[in-house]
Structure formats: C-alpha cells, structure tokens
C-alpha cells in the first residue's frame, strides 16, 4: 500500500502553508470585488 511519511508536516510547515493559502484567497476575494465593481471596464 501507500507508505507515506508525514514527518515533514511540522506545525511550522503547516502554519506557513495555511497562512499563504489564506493570504492568497484574500487577494482573490479583493480582486474579484474590484473586478465586479460597476466602474470597472466590462470585457463583454
């Protein structure tokens, strides 16, 4: 079967990836809000 070694998943690694993912999702949310604003040029 799959003998995966998760020893590299230390709390520091997990927290850094979670933090990066959270910041990335916040950036996407901000860009989506800016892109959906009525003053933004439409691509249609």
C-alpha atoms as a PDB file:
ATOM      1  CA  UNK A   1       0.000   0.000   0.000  1.00  0.00           C
ATOM      2  CA  UNK A   2       0.980   3.638   0.319  1.00  0.00           C
ATOM      3  CA  UNK A   3       3.686   4.101   2.905  1.00  0.00           C
ATOM      4  CA  UNK A   4       3.696   7.880   3.153  1.00  0.00           C
ATOM      5  CA  UNK A   5       5.945   9.625   5.641  1.00  0.00           C
ATOM      6  CA  UNK A   6       4.305  12.710   7.084  1.00  0.00           C
ATOM      7  CA  UNK A   7       7.240  13.605   9.323  1.00  0.00           C
ATOM      8  CA  UNK A   8       7.869  16.752   7.267  1.00  0.00           C
ATOM      9  CA  UNK A   9       4.450  18.112   8.248  1.00  0.00           C
ATOM     10  CA  UNK A  10       5.638  20.045  11.254  1.00  0.00           C
ATOM     11  CA  UNK A  11       3.420  22.736  12.788  1.00  0.00           C
ATOM     12  CA  UNK A  12       5.689  25.387  11.254  1.00  0.00           C
ATOM     13  CA  UNK A  13       5.265  23.958   7.748  1.00  0.00           C
ATOM     14  CA  UNK A  14       1.514  23.574   8.148  1.00  0.00           C
ATOM     15  CA  UNK A  15       1.046  27.077   9.549  1.00  0.00           C
ATOM     16  CA  UNK A  16       3.150  28.648   6.782  1.00  0.00           C
ATOM     17  CA  UNK A  17       1.144  26.899   4.060  1.00  0.00           C
ATOM     18  CA  UNK A  18      -2.160  27.736   5.749  1.00  0.00           C
ATOM     19  CA  UNK A  19      -1.107  31.367   6.085  1.00  0.00           C
ATOM     20  CA  UNK A  20      -0.017  31.552   2.435  1.00  0.00           C
ATOM     21  CA  UNK A  21      -3.278  29.979   1.319  1.00  0.00           C
ATOM     22  CA  UNK A  22      -5.307  32.360   3.451  1.00  0.00           C
ATOM     23  CA  UNK A  23      -3.486  35.406   2.083  1.00  0.00           C
ATOM     24  CA  UNK A  24      -3.911  34.104  -1.464  1.00  0.00           C
ATOM     25  CA  UNK A  25      -7.644  33.611  -1.001  1.00  0.00           C
ATOM     26  CA  UNK A  26      -7.973  37.100   0.478  1.00  0.00           C
ATOM     27  CA  UNK A  27      -6.175  38.535  -2.560  1.00  0.00           C
ATOM     28  CA  UNK A  28      -8.509  36.661  -4.895  1.00  0.00           C
ATOM     29  CA  UNK A  29     -11.517  37.976  -2.990  1.00  0.00           C
ATOM     30  CA  UNK A  30     -10.282  41.566  -3.251  1.00  0.00           C
ATOM     31  CA  UNK A  31      -9.563  41.220  -6.979  1.00  0.00           C
ATOM     32  CA  UNK A  32     -12.973  39.655  -7.549  1.00  0.00           C
ATOM     33  CA  UNK A  33     -14.673  42.514  -5.722  1.00  0.00           C
ATOM     34  CA  UNK A  34     -12.699  45.062  -7.739  1.00  0.00           C
ATOM     35  CA  UNK A  35     -13.462  43.231 -10.959  1.00  0.00           C
ATOM     36  CA  UNK A  36     -17.175  43.143 -10.185  1.00  0.00           C
ATOM     37  CA  UNK A  37     -17.426  46.865  -9.441  1.00  0.00           C
ATOM     38  CA  UNK A  38     -19.670  48.836 -11.801  1.00  0.00           C
ATOM     39  CA  UNK A  39     -16.897  51.328 -12.564  1.00  0.00           C
ATOM     40  CA  UNK A  40     -14.601  48.596 -13.883  1.00  0.00           C
ATOM     41  CA  UNK A  41     -14.412  48.234 -17.672  1.00  0.00           C
ATOM     42  CA  UNK A  42     -16.510  45.386 -18.965  1.00  0.00           C
ATOM     43  CA  UNK A  43     -14.892  42.678 -21.099  1.00  0.00           C
ATOM     44  CA  UNK A  44     -18.166  41.796 -22.826  1.00  0.00           C
END
